Amino acid sequence: MGHINRSLRAFNLRINTMRHGKKFNHLGRTSSHRAALLSNMASSLILHKRIETTVAKAKELRKYIEPMITRSKTDNTNNRRVVFSYLQNKEAIKELFGIVSEKVADRPGGYTRIIKLGNRLGDNAEVCFIELVDFNETMLAAAAEKATKTRRSRRATTKKDAVEAASVAETPSAEVVEEAPSAEVVEETPAEEPASEEPKEDKGEEA
């Protein structure tokens, strides 16, 4: 009986230690180490707007920081305390609820962007940039230019140009038709003048 009880306890212990439903990436760290890592990376991202890290850490950081940015849109004491409990950095809190919240005010989520850089030498880990979307001026300018120049608008303008060109091509023919009678009138007027002069000569002869 003792042997059976020991095997049952071992079986229950093994079931309890299985990671059922724990699908997030532990990043090879303990819970406290992982929390400290994400807190420091979030503070660095808020202060510097772009950091370089591995893709695995960047994906976890995105899930960690975006709810905080959403909270920063409503600047009140409760939200500041909740975010401060995670970051523990007064400068990051000031930057988040001041400058960052103004920039992302009209964006409904998706505040960060991951740009992959390939694999690094040494451990061959996949490296990337993670940045705040609204602080990359180069990509914002490119997006604005693309919005002003779209393929649909180009096609629409070409159709309009074709219609205008066709109408312009038709209008000269109408003008020629209108001008033709005026040319005939100019030719006929000299023909009437000799007819008016002939009676004068006849009167002279009679006199």
C-alpha atoms as a PDB file:
ATOM      1  CA  MET A   1       0.000   0.000   0.000  1.00  0.00           C
ATOM      2  CA  GLY A   2       2.827   2.393   0.803  1.00  0.00           C
ATOM      3  CA  HIS A   3       4.335   1.856  -2.609  1.00  0.00           C
ATOM      4  CA  ILE A   4       1.004   2.664  -4.307  1.00  0.00           C
ATOM      5  CA  ASN A   5       0.560   5.851  -2.269  1.00  0.00           C
ATOM      6  CA  ARG A   6       4.052   7.033  -3.172  1.00  0.00           C
ATOM      7  CA  SER A   7       3.428   6.443  -6.872  1.00  0.00           C
ATOM      8  CA  LEU A   8       0.091   8.293  -6.679  1.00  0.00           C
ATOM      9  CA  ARG A   9       1.734  11.283  -4.985  1.00  0.00           C
ATOM     10  CA  ALA A  10       4.447  11.355  -7.658  1.00  0.00           C
ATOM     11  CA  PHE A  11       1.804  11.181 -10.384  1.00  0.00           C
ATOM     12  CA  ASN A  12      -0.202  14.062  -8.871  1.00  0.00           C
ATOM     13  CA  LEU A  13       2.966  16.142  -8.478  1.00  0.00           C
ATOM     14  CA  ARG A  14       3.868  15.559 -12.121  1.00  0.00           C
ATOM     15  CA  ILE A  15       0.391  16.643 -13.277  1.00  0.00           C
ATOM     16  CA  ASN A  16       0.482  19.797 -11.150  1.00  0.00           C
ATOM     17  CA  THR A  17       3.838  20.863 -12.613  1.00  0.00           C
ATOM     18  CA  MET A  18       2.743  20.525 -16.247  1.00  0.00           C
ATOM     19  CA  ARG A  19       2.347  23.853 -18.034  1.00  0.00           C
ATOM     20  CA  HIS A  20      -1.296  23.495 -19.001  1.00  0.00           C
ATOM     21  CA  GLY A  21      -2.591  26.774 -20.413  1.00  0.00           C
ATOM     22  CA  LYS A  22       0.737  28.561 -19.883  1.00  0.00           C
ATOM     23  CA  LYS A  23       1.382  29.532 -23.462  1.00  0.00           C
ATOM     24  CA  PHE A  24       3.359  32.758 -23.012  1.00  0.00           C
ATOM     25  CA  ASN A  25       7.111  32.805 -23.428  1.00  0.00           C
ATOM     26  CA  HIS A  26       8.980  32.532 -20.100  1.00  0.00           C
ATOM     27  CA  LEU A  27      12.167  33.781 -21.816  1.00  0.00           C
ATOM     28  CA  GLY A  28      14.209  31.257 -19.818  1.00  0.00           C
ATOM     29  CA  ARG A  29      13.839  33.283 -16.602  1.00  0.00           C
ATOM     30  CA  THR A  30      12.063  33.100 -13.296  1.00  0.00           C
ATOM     31  CA  SER A  31       8.902  35.110 -12.826  1.00  0.00           C
ATOM     32  CA  SER A  32      10.609  37.943 -10.924  1.00  0.00           C
ATOM     33  CA  HIS A  33      13.502  38.118 -13.376  1.00  0.00           C
ATOM     34  CA  ARG A  34      11.137  38.193 -16.332  1.00  0.00           C
ATOM     35  CA  ALA A  35       9.041  40.985 -14.758  1.00  0.00           C
ATOM     36  CA  ALA A  36      12.157  43.066 -14.064  1.00  0.00           C
ATOM     37  CA  LEU A  37      13.400  42.526 -17.619  1.00  0.00           C
ATOM     38  CA  LEU A  38      10.136  43.644 -19.223  1.00  0.00           C
ATOM     39  CA  SER A  39       9.830  46.619 -16.853  1.00  0.00           C
ATOM     40  CA  ASN A  40      13.305  47.896 -17.742  1.00  0.00           C
ATOM     41  CA  MET A  41      12.752  47.348 -21.466  1.00  0.00           C
ATOM     42  CA  ALA A  42       9.397  49.163 -21.337  1.00  0.00           C
ATOM     43  CA  SER A  43      10.983  52.155 -19.585  1.00  0.00           C
ATOM     44  CA  SER A  44      13.783  52.249 -22.176  1.00  0.00           C
ATOM     45  CA  LEU A  45      11.306  52.100 -25.052  1.00  0.00           C
ATOM     46  CA  ILE A  46       9.225  54.949 -23.616  1.00  0.00           C
ATOM     47  CA  LEU A  47      12.270  57.156 -23.048  1.00  0.00           C
ATOM     48  CA  HIS A  48      14.195  56.390 -26.259  1.00  0.00           C
ATOM     49  CA  LYS A  49      11.250  55.497 -28.582  1.00  0.00           C
ATOM     50  CA  ARG A  50      13.279  52.666 -30.204  1.00  0.00           C
ATOM     51  CA  ILE A  51      15.408  49.841 -28.798  1.00  0.00           C
ATOM     52  CA  GLU A  52      17.189  46.824 -30.262  1.00  0.00           C
ATOM     53  CA  THR A  53      16.533  43.379 -28.796  1.00  0.00           C
ATOM     54  CA  THR A  54      15.665  39.832 -29.803  1.00  0.00           C
ATOM     55  CA  VAL A  55      12.404  39.041 -31.562  1.00  0.00           C
ATOM     56  CA  ALA A  56      11.205  36.831 -28.680  1.00  0.00           C
ATOM     57  CA  LYS A  57      11.701  39.618 -26.127  1.00  0.00           C
ATOM     58  CA  ALA A  58      10.175  42.206 -28.447  1.00  0.00           C
ATOM     59  CA  LYS A  59       6.988  40.187 -28.878  1.00  0.00           C
ATOM     60  CA  GLU A  60       6.620  39.813 -25.121  1.00  0.00           C
ATOM     61  CA  LEU A  61       7.397  43.486 -24.578  1.00  0.00           C
ATOM     62  CA  ARG A  62       4.685  44.477 -27.043  1.00  0.00           C
ATOM     63  CA  LYS A  63       2.068  42.591 -25.033  1.00  0.00           C
ATOM     64  CA  TYR A  64       3.457  44.134 -21.836  1.00  0.00           C
ATOM     65  CA  ILE A  65       3.629  47.809 -22.849  1.00  0.00           C
ATOM     66  CA  GLU A  66       0.611  48.377 -25.091  1.00  0.00           C
ATOM     67  CA  PRO A  67      -1.979  48.127 -22.287  1.00  0.00           C
ATOM     68  CA  MET A  68       0.046  50.752 -20.394  1.00  0.00           C
ATOM     69  CA  ILE A  69      -0.003  53.094 -23.397  1.00  0.00           C
ATOM     70  CA  THR A  70      -3.771  52.647 -23.607  1.00  0.00           C
ATOM     71  CA  ARG A  71      -4.056  53.602 -19.939  1.00  0.00           C
ATOM     72  CA  SER A  72      -1.945  56.708 -20.525  1.00  0.00           C
ATOM     73  CA  LYS A  73      -4.671  58.155 -22.784  1.00  0.00           C
ATOM     74  CA  THR A  74      -6.739  58.787 -19.638  1.00  0.00           C
ATOM     75  CA  ASP A  75      -4.481  60.810 -17.363  1.00  0.00           C
ATOM     76  CA  ASN A  76      -5.715  60.325 -13.809  1.00  0.00           C
ATOM     77  CA  THR A  77      -4.216  59.289 -10.496  1.00  0.00           C
ATOM     78  CA  ASN A  78      -5.414  55.701 -10.663  1.00  0.00           C
ATOM     79  CA  ASN A  79      -3.887  55.034 -14.095  1.00  0.00           C
ATOM     80  CA  ARG A  80      -0.602  56.663 -13.085  1.00  0.00           C
ATOM     81  CA  ARG A  81      -0.402  54.453  -9.980  1.00  0.00           C
ATOM     82  CA  VAL A  82      -1.215  51.283 -11.922  1.00  0.00           C
ATOM     83  CA  VAL A  83       1.447  51.980 -14.554  1.00  0.00           C
ATOM     84  CA  PHE A  84       3.983  53.034 -11.916  1.00  0.00           C
ATOM     85  CA  SER A  85       3.483  49.699 -10.124  1.00  0.00           C
ATOM     86  CA  TYR A  86       4.926  48.020 -13.229  1.00  0.00           C
ATOM     87  CA  LEU A  87       7.580  50.498 -14.393  1.00  0.00           C
ATOM     88  CA  GLN A  88       8.895  51.938 -11.106  1.00  0.00           C
ATOM     89  CA  ASN A  89      10.407  54.827 -13.082  1.00  0.00           C
ATOM     90  CA  LYS A  90       9.197  58.413 -12.576  1.00  0.00           C
ATOM     91  CA  GLU A  91      10.844  59.747 -15.744  1.00  0.00           C
ATOM     92  CA  ALA A  92       9.176  57.050 -17.839  1.00  0.00           C
ATOM     93  CA  ILE A  93       5.792  57.836 -16.256  1.00  0.00           C
ATOM     94  CA  LYS A  94       6.229  61.540 -17.002  1.00  0.00           C
ATOM     95  CA  GLU A  95       7.177  60.842 -20.624  1.00  0.00           C
ATOM     96  CA  LEU A  96       4.373  58.297 -21.101  1.00  0.00           C
ATOM     97  CA  PHE A  97       1.538  60.430 -19.728  1.00  0.00           C
ATOM     98  CA  GLY A  98       2.911  63.602 -21.312  1.00  0.00           C
ATOM     99  CA  ILE A  99       4.452  63.312 -24.771  1.00  0.00           C
ATOM    100  CA  VAL A 100       3.596  59.722 -25.747  1.00  0.00           C
ATOM    101  CA  SER A 101      -0.085  59.926 -24.797  1.00  0.00           C
ATOM    102  CA  GLU A 102      -0.534  63.061 -26.955  1.00  0.00           C
ATOM    103  CA  LYS A 103       1.028  61.381 -29.973  1.00  0.00           C
ATOM    104  CA  VAL A 104      -1.054  58.193 -29.751  1.00  0.00           C
ATOM    105  CA  ALA A 105      -4.324  59.889 -28.803  1.00  0.00           C
ATOM    106  CA  ASP A 106      -6.005  59.102 -32.152  1.00  0.00           C
ATOM    107  CA  ARG A 107      -4.525  55.613 -32.618  1.00  0.00           C
ATOM    108  CA  PRO A 108      -6.808  52.721 -31.552  1.00  0.00           C
ATOM    109  CA  GLY A 109      -4.105  50.247 -30.525  1.00  0.00           C
ATOM    110  CA  GLY A 110      -1.062  48.957 -32.362  1.00  0.00           C
ATOM    111  CA  TYR A 111       1.351  51.475 -30.861  1.00  0.00           C
ATOM    112  CA  THR A 112       4.565  49.518 -31.528  1.00  0.00           C
ATOM    113  CA  ARG A 113       6.319  48.187 -34.628  1.00  0.00           C
ATOM    114  CA  ILE A 114       8.849  45.332 -34.873  1.00  0.00           C
ATOM    115  CA  ILE A 115      11.479  45.591 -37.632  1.00  0.00           C
ATOM    116  CA  LYS A 116      13.540  42.406 -38.053  1.00  0.00           C
ATOM    117  CA  LEU A 117      17.284  42.791 -38.582  1.00  0.00           C
ATOM    118  CA  GLY A 118      18.355  39.199 -39.185  1.00  0.00           C
ATOM    119  CA  ASN A 119      20.441  36.948 -36.935  1.00  0.00           C
ATOM    120  CA  ARG A 120      23.309  38.150 -34.760  1.00  0.00           C
ATOM    121  CA  LEU A 121      26.743  36.597 -34.543  1.00  0.00           C
ATOM    122  CA  GLY A 122      27.467  34.301 -31.621  1.00  0.00           C
ATOM    123  CA  ASP A 123      24.200  32.681 -30.597  1.00  0.00           C
ATOM    124  CA  ASN A 124      22.491  33.280 -33.998  1.00  0.00           C
ATOM    125  CA  ALA A 125      19.482  34.830 -32.220  1.00  0.00           C
ATOM    126  CA  GLU A 126      16.952  36.689 -34.348  1.00  0.00           C
ATOM    127  CA  VAL A 127      17.404  40.418 -33.665  1.00  0.00           C
ATOM    128  CA  CYS A 128      15.005  43.303 -34.300  1.00  0.00           C
ATOM    129  CA  PHE A 129      14.108  46.908 -33.580  1.00  0.00           C
ATOM    130  CA  ILE A 130      10.974  47.634 -31.591  1.00  0.00           C
ATOM    131  CA  GLU A 131       9.769  51.223 -31.813  1.00  0.00           C
ATOM    132  CA  LEU A 132       6.785  53.445 -31.142  1.00  0.00           C
ATOM    133  CA  VAL A 133       4.923  53.873 -34.415  1.00  0.00           C
ATOM    134  CA  ASP A 134       4.061  57.568 -34.060  1.00  0.00           C
ATOM    135  CA  PHE A 135       7.669  58.627 -33.424  1.00  0.00           C
ATOM    136  CA  ASN A 136       9.180  57.324 -36.685  1.00  0.00           C
ATOM    137  CA  GLU A 137       9.030  60.507 -38.771  1.00  0.00           C
ATOM    138  CA  THR A 138      10.467  58.874 -41.905  1.00  0.00           C
ATOM    139  CA  MET A 139       7.775  56.218 -42.172  1.00  0.00           C
ATOM    140  CA  LEU A 140       5.037  58.703 -41.286  1.00  0.00           C
ATOM    141  CA  ALA A 141       6.140  60.993 -44.140  1.00  0.00           C
ATOM    142  CA  ALA A 142       6.254  58.051 -46.556  1.00  0.00           C
ATOM    143  CA  ALA A 143       2.767  56.967 -45.504  1.00  0.00           C
ATOM    144  CA  ALA A 144       1.447  60.505 -46.045  1.00  0.00           C
ATOM    145  CA  GLU A 145       2.900  60.626 -49.572  1.00  0.00           C
ATOM    146  CA  LYS A 146       1.434  57.222 -50.368  1.00  0.00           C
ATOM    147  CA  ALA A 147      -1.983  58.360 -49.156  1.00  0.00           C
ATOM    148  CA  THR A 148      -1.926  61.390 -51.456  1.00  0.00           C
ATOM    149  CA  LYS A 149      -0.764  59.337 -54.450  1.00  0.00           C
ATOM    150  CA  THR A 150      -2.825  56.172 -54.830  1.00  0.00           C
ATOM    151  CA  ARG A 151      -3.350  53.914 -57.835  1.00  0.00           C
ATOM    152  CA  ARG A 152      -7.086  54.539 -57.819  1.00  0.00           C
ATOM    153  CA  SER A 153      -6.688  58.296 -58.082  1.00  0.00           C
ATOM    154  CA  ARG A 154      -4.224  57.867 -60.939  1.00  0.00           C
ATOM    155  CA  ARG A 155      -6.641  55.677 -62.861  1.00  0.00           C
ATOM    156  CA  ALA A 156      -9.468  58.136 -62.259  1.00  0.00           C
ATOM    157  CA  THR A 157      -7.385  61.049 -63.533  1.00  0.00           C
ATOM    158  CA  THR A 158      -6.381  59.160 -66.675  1.00  0.00           C
ATOM    159  CA  LYS A 159     -10.025  58.468 -67.475  1.00  0.00           C
ATOM    160  CA  LYS A 160     -10.903  62.120 -66.924  1.00  0.00           C
ATOM    161  CA  ASP A 161      -7.989  63.203 -69.092  1.00  0.00           C
ATOM    162  CA  ALA A 162      -9.150  60.882 -71.868  1.00  0.00           C
ATOM    163  CA  VAL A 163     -12.684  62.342 -71.737  1.00  0.00           C
ATOM    164  CA  GLU A 164     -11.330  65.904 -71.752  1.00  0.00           C
ATOM    165  CA  ALA A 165      -9.009  65.119 -74.663  1.00  0.00           C
ATOM    166  CA  ALA A 166     -11.924  63.682 -76.643  1.00  0.00           C
ATOM    167  CA  SER A 167     -14.049  66.770 -75.981  1.00  0.00           C
ATOM    168  CA  VAL A 168     -11.172  69.072 -76.984  1.00  0.00           C
ATOM    169  CA  ALA A 169     -10.689  67.103 -80.182  1.00  0.00           C
ATOM    170  CA  GLU A 170     -14.384  67.516 -81.063  1.00  0.00           C
ATOM    171  CA  THR A 171     -14.651  71.287 -80.459  1.00  0.00           C
ATOM    172  CA  PRO A 172     -12.358  72.487 -83.360  1.00  0.00           C
ATOM    173  CA  SER A 173     -14.519  70.673 -85.922  1.00  0.00           C
ATOM    174  CA  ALA A 174     -17.571  72.596 -84.696  1.00  0.00           C
ATOM    175  CA  GLU A 175     -15.656  75.896 -85.020  1.00  0.00           C
ATOM    176  CA  VAL A 176     -14.654  75.093 -88.598  1.00  0.00           C
ATOM    177  CA  VAL A 177     -18.263  74.491 -89.528  1.00  0.00           C
ATOM    178  CA  GLU A 178     -19.227  77.850 -88.045  1.00  0.00           C
ATOM    179  CA  GLU A 179     -16.398  79.722 -89.748  1.00  0.00           C
ATOM    180  CA  ALA A 180     -17.097  78.306 -93.225  1.00  0.00           C
ATOM    181  CA  PRO A 181     -20.154  80.552 -93.895  1.00  0.00           C
ATOM    182  CA  SER A 182     -18.225  83.670 -92.853  1.00  0.00           C
ATOM    183  CA  ALA A 183     -15.584  82.894 -95.482  1.00  0.00           C
ATOM    184  CA  GLU A 184     -18.286  82.621 -98.140  1.00  0.00           C
ATOM    185  CA  VAL A 185     -19.735  85.993 -97.122  1.00  0.00           C
ATOM    186  CA  VAL A 186     -16.315  87.634 -97.523  1.00  0.00           C
ATOM    187  CA  GLU A 187     -16.033  86.233-101.039  1.00  0.00           C
ATOM    188  CA  GLU A 188     -19.522  87.385-102.064  1.00  0.00           C
ATOM    189  CA  THR A 189     -19.203  91.035-100.955  1.00  0.00           C
ATOM    190  CA  PRO A 190     -16.670  92.046-103.673  1.00  0.00           C
ATOM    191  CA  ALA A 191     -18.962  90.533-106.323  1.00  0.00           C
ATOM    192  CA  GLU A 192     -21.775  92.983-105.441  1.00  0.00           C
ATOM    193  CA  GLU A 193     -19.589  96.145-105.794  1.00  0.00           C
ATOM    194  CA  PRO A 194     -19.097  95.938-109.611  1.00  0.00           C
ATOM    195  CA  ALA A 195     -22.829  95.591-110.062  1.00  0.00           C
ATOM    196  CA  SER A 196     -23.363  98.905-108.249  1.00  0.00           C
ATOM    197  CA  GLU A 197     -20.727 100.681-110.409  1.00  0.00           C
ATOM    198  CA  GLU A 198     -22.220  99.685-113.807  1.00  0.00           C
ATOM    199  CA  PRO A 199     -25.301 101.957-113.517  1.00  0.00           C
ATOM    200  CA  LYS A 200     -22.954 104.942-112.886  1.00  0.00           C
ATOM    201  CA  GLU A 201     -21.199 104.335-116.193  1.00  0.00           C
ATOM    202  CA  ASP A 202     -24.518 104.070-118.008  1.00  0.00           C
ATOM    203  CA  LYS A 203     -25.642 107.411-116.579  1.00  0.00           C
ATOM    204  CA  GLY A 204     -22.442 109.046-117.815  1.00  0.00           C
ATOM    205  CA  GLU A 205     -22.918 107.741-121.338  1.00  0.00           C
ATOM    206  CA  GLU A 206     -26.500 108.974-121.446  1.00  0.00           C
ATOM    207  CA  ALA A 207     -25.379 112.436-120.357  1.00  0.00           C
END
